[in-house]
């Protein structure tokens, strides 16, 4: 999705009920976040919000909200905790489809071996 502005509406026009929207809302609730949440509730699809403000977890249409600490206001705000949470969510989704995911990883390994001479790793 577009980061901000009216271009966001173009992406939201394609959101369907089967989709899950992941929202990061740090420090304050942006107008774009409010629009996304409103569209999510209208389409009745799932939204997951990750926030560093405890009060932002409540009263939104997000079905799941996670609070992550990024440091005190006025201090350095680290992205380590939000990234760790995202990695854990990805791993868990992979475990739900374990056989399919492992099959895709095996296939990726085969592709890397087959095309190593044409597309070497670490080369631009």
C-alpha atoms as a PDB file:
ATOM      1  CA  UNK A   1       0.000   0.000   0.000  1.00  0.00           C
ATOM      2  CA  UNK A   2       1.020   3.568  -0.492  1.00  0.00           C
ATOM      3  CA  UNK A   3       2.579   5.117   2.593  1.00  0.00           C
ATOM      4  CA  UNK A   4       0.232   8.070   2.794  1.00  0.00           C
ATOM      5  CA  UNK A   5      -2.157  10.367   1.000  1.00  0.00           C
ATOM      6  CA  UNK A   6      -4.948   9.729  -1.471  1.00  0.00           C
ATOM      7  CA  UNK A   7      -2.887   7.034  -3.268  1.00  0.00           C
ATOM      8  CA  UNK A   8      -3.708   4.798  -0.320  1.00  0.00           C
ATOM      9  CA  UNK A   9      -7.307   4.655  -1.575  1.00  0.00           C
ATOM     10  CA  UNK A  10      -6.190   2.896  -4.757  1.00  0.00           C
ATOM     11  CA  UNK A  11      -4.783   0.021  -2.691  1.00  0.00           C
ATOM     12  CA  UNK A  12      -7.776  -0.056  -0.362  1.00  0.00           C
ATOM     13  CA  UNK A  13     -10.134  -0.426  -3.330  1.00  0.00           C
ATOM     14  CA  UNK A  14      -8.625  -3.899  -3.852  1.00  0.00           C
ATOM     15  CA  UNK A  15      -8.942  -5.142  -0.256  1.00  0.00           C
ATOM     16  CA  UNK A  16     -11.207  -8.175  -0.055  1.00  0.00           C
ATOM     17  CA  UNK A  17     -12.788 -10.028   2.834  1.00  0.00           C
ATOM     18  CA  UNK A  18     -10.200 -12.848   2.679  1.00  0.00           C
ATOM     19  CA  UNK A  19      -7.299 -10.405   3.083  1.00  0.00           C
ATOM     20  CA  UNK A  20      -5.534  -9.601   6.325  1.00  0.00           C
ATOM     21  CA  UNK A  21      -4.237  -6.059   6.764  1.00  0.00           C
ATOM     22  CA  UNK A  22      -1.166  -5.529   8.962  1.00  0.00           C
ATOM     23  CA  UNK A  23      -1.004  -2.054  10.513  1.00  0.00           C
ATOM     24  CA  UNK A  24       1.855  -0.426  12.387  1.00  0.00           C
ATOM     25  CA  UNK A  25       0.723   2.494  14.517  1.00  0.00           C
ATOM     26  CA  UNK A  26       3.572   4.027  16.470  1.00  0.00           C
ATOM     27  CA  UNK A  27       3.458   7.164  18.615  1.00  0.00           C
ATOM     28  CA  UNK A  28       0.029   8.353  17.417  1.00  0.00           C
ATOM     29  CA  UNK A  29      -2.926   7.352  15.263  1.00  0.00           C
ATOM     30  CA  UNK A  30      -2.410   8.804  11.797  1.00  0.00           C
ATOM     31  CA  UNK A  31      -5.353   9.800   9.560  1.00  0.00           C
ATOM     32  CA  UNK A  32      -4.179   7.113   7.104  1.00  0.00           C
ATOM     33  CA  UNK A  33      -4.436   4.494   9.841  1.00  0.00           C
ATOM     34  CA  UNK A  34      -7.955   5.645  10.682  1.00  0.00           C
ATOM     35  CA  UNK A  35      -8.954   5.367   7.002  1.00  0.00           C
ATOM     36  CA  UNK A  36      -7.427   1.889   6.705  1.00  0.00           C
ATOM     37  CA  UNK A  37      -9.239   0.704   9.828  1.00  0.00           C
ATOM     38  CA  UNK A  38     -12.529   2.156   8.596  1.00  0.00           C
ATOM     39  CA  UNK A  39     -12.166   0.393   5.232  1.00  0.00           C
ATOM     40  CA  UNK A  40     -11.236  -2.843   6.987  1.00  0.00           C
ATOM     41  CA  UNK A  41     -14.384  -2.694   9.090  1.00  0.00           C
ATOM     42  CA  UNK A  42     -16.549  -1.949   6.029  1.00  0.00           C
ATOM     43  CA  UNK A  43     -15.133  -4.910   4.076  1.00  0.00           C
ATOM     44  CA  UNK A  44     -15.215  -7.045   7.246  1.00  0.00           C
ATOM     45  CA  UNK A  45     -11.746  -8.427   6.817  1.00  0.00           C
ATOM     46  CA  UNK A  46      -9.166  -9.027   9.488  1.00  0.00           C
ATOM     47  CA  UNK A  47      -6.726  -6.399  10.700  1.00  0.00           C
ATOM     48  CA  UNK A  48      -3.703  -6.890  12.925  1.00  0.00           C
ATOM     49  CA  UNK A  49      -2.289  -3.792  14.597  1.00  0.00           C
ATOM     50  CA  UNK A  50       1.139  -3.476  16.174  1.00  0.00           C
ATOM     51  CA  UNK A  51       1.513  -0.389  18.342  1.00  0.00           C
ATOM     52  CA  UNK A  52       3.764   1.113  20.985  1.00  0.00           C
ATOM     53  CA  UNK A  53       0.852   2.942  22.617  1.00  0.00           C
ATOM     54  CA  UNK A  54      -1.233   0.831  24.966  1.00  0.00           C
ATOM     55  CA  UNK A  55      -4.300   3.053  24.548  1.00  0.00           C
ATOM     56  CA  UNK A  56      -4.268   2.554  20.754  1.00  0.00           C
ATOM     57  CA  UNK A  57      -4.983  -1.146  21.263  1.00  0.00           C
ATOM     58  CA  UNK A  58      -8.561  -0.481  22.323  1.00  0.00           C
ATOM     59  CA  UNK A  59     -11.512   0.941  20.446  1.00  0.00           C
ATOM     60  CA  UNK A  60     -10.279   0.122  16.947  1.00  0.00           C
ATOM     61  CA  UNK A  61     -11.745  -2.315  14.411  1.00  0.00           C
ATOM     62  CA  UNK A  62      -8.503  -4.342  14.487  1.00  0.00           C
ATOM     63  CA  UNK A  63      -9.289  -7.926  15.486  1.00  0.00           C
ATOM     64  CA  UNK A  64      -5.845  -8.409  17.022  1.00  0.00           C
ATOM     65  CA  UNK A  65      -3.652  -5.726  18.575  1.00  0.00           C
ATOM     66  CA  UNK A  66      -0.145  -6.218  19.880  1.00  0.00           C
ATOM     67  CA  UNK A  67       1.660  -3.826  22.192  1.00  0.00           C
ATOM     68  CA  UNK A  68       5.425  -3.636  21.668  1.00  0.00           C
ATOM     69  CA  UNK A  69       7.792  -1.561  23.732  1.00  0.00           C
ATOM     70  CA  UNK A  70      10.149   0.600  21.675  1.00  0.00           C
ATOM     71  CA  UNK A  71      11.561   2.767  24.474  1.00  0.00           C
ATOM     72  CA  UNK A  72      10.258   5.700  26.491  1.00  0.00           C
ATOM     73  CA  UNK A  73       8.953   8.844  24.792  1.00  0.00           C
ATOM     74  CA  UNK A  74      11.826  11.180  24.018  1.00  0.00           C
ATOM     75  CA  UNK A  75      14.294   8.287  23.869  1.00  0.00           C
ATOM     76  CA  UNK A  76      15.586   6.180  21.007  1.00  0.00           C
ATOM     77  CA  UNK A  77      12.762   4.085  19.547  1.00  0.00           C
ATOM     78  CA  UNK A  78      14.051   0.678  18.550  1.00  0.00           C
ATOM     79  CA  UNK A  79      12.379  -1.498  15.916  1.00  0.00           C
ATOM     80  CA  UNK A  80      13.854  -4.697  17.387  1.00  0.00           C
ATOM     81  CA  UNK A  81      10.709  -5.699  19.271  1.00  0.00           C
ATOM     82  CA  UNK A  82       8.260  -5.084  16.394  1.00  0.00           C
ATOM     83  CA  UNK A  83      10.543  -6.971  13.990  1.00  0.00           C
ATOM     84  CA  UNK A  84      10.860  -9.887  16.395  1.00  0.00           C
ATOM     85  CA  UNK A  85       7.067 -10.070  16.666  1.00  0.00           C
ATOM     86  CA  UNK A  86       6.685 -10.038  12.867  1.00  0.00           C
ATOM     87  CA  UNK A  87       9.285 -12.791  12.505  1.00  0.00           C
ATOM     88  CA  UNK A  88       7.439 -14.900  15.061  1.00  0.00           C
ATOM     89  CA  UNK A  89       4.120 -14.385  13.242  1.00  0.00           C
ATOM     90  CA  UNK A  90       5.724 -15.430   9.952  1.00  0.00           C
ATOM     91  CA  UNK A  91       7.245 -18.534  11.547  1.00  0.00           C
ATOM     92  CA  UNK A  92       3.912 -19.479  13.100  1.00  0.00           C
ATOM     93  CA  UNK A  93       2.081 -19.100   9.781  1.00  0.00           C
ATOM     94  CA  UNK A  94       4.747 -21.271   8.206  1.00  0.00           C
ATOM     95  CA  UNK A  95       4.219 -23.927  10.861  1.00  0.00           C
ATOM     96  CA  UNK A  96       0.489 -23.970  10.108  1.00  0.00           C
ATOM     97  CA  UNK A  97       1.341 -24.940   6.509  1.00  0.00           C
ATOM     98  CA  UNK A  98       4.504 -26.853   7.353  1.00  0.00           C
ATOM     99  CA  UNK A  99       4.520 -29.364   4.477  1.00  0.00           C
ATOM    100  CA  UNK A 100       3.754 -26.758   1.817  1.00  0.00           C
ATOM    101  CA  UNK A 101       6.336 -24.321   3.177  1.00  0.00           C
ATOM    102  CA  UNK A 102       9.052 -26.975   3.449  1.00  0.00           C
ATOM    103  CA  UNK A 103       8.278 -28.088  -0.103  1.00  0.00           C
ATOM    104  CA  UNK A 104       8.701 -24.513  -1.326  1.00  0.00           C
ATOM    105  CA  UNK A 105      12.019 -24.215   0.540  1.00  0.00           C
ATOM    106  CA  UNK A 106      13.236 -27.442  -1.085  1.00  0.00           C
ATOM    107  CA  UNK A 107      12.219 -26.104  -4.492  1.00  0.00           C
ATOM    108  CA  UNK A 108      13.998 -22.802  -3.774  1.00  0.00           C
ATOM    109  CA  UNK A 109      17.149 -24.781  -2.974  1.00  0.00           C
ATOM    110  CA  UNK A 110      16.832 -26.631  -6.278  1.00  0.00           C
ATOM    111  CA  UNK A 111      16.417 -23.337  -8.177  1.00  0.00           C
ATOM    112  CA  UNK A 112      19.452 -21.825  -6.471  1.00  0.00           C
ATOM    113  CA  UNK A 113      21.554 -24.848  -7.405  1.00  0.00           C
ATOM    114  CA  UNK A 114      20.273 -24.984 -10.990  1.00  0.00           C
ATOM    115  CA  UNK A 115      20.855 -21.287 -11.702  1.00  0.00           C
ATOM    116  CA  UNK A 116      23.881 -20.577  -9.476  1.00  0.00           C
ATOM    117  CA  UNK A 117      26.121 -19.893 -12.461  1.00  0.00           C
ATOM    118  CA  UNK A 118      23.654 -17.446 -14.058  1.00  0.00           C
ATOM    119  CA  UNK A 119      22.445 -15.720 -10.877  1.00  0.00           C
ATOM    120  CA  UNK A 120      25.227 -15.957  -8.289  1.00  0.00           C
ATOM    121  CA  UNK A 121      24.395 -14.936  -4.739  1.00  0.00           C
ATOM    122  CA  UNK A 122      25.897 -11.740  -3.438  1.00  0.00           C
ATOM    123  CA  UNK A 123      26.370 -10.258  -6.902  1.00  0.00           C
ATOM    124  CA  UNK A 124      24.330  -7.360  -8.216  1.00  0.00           C
END
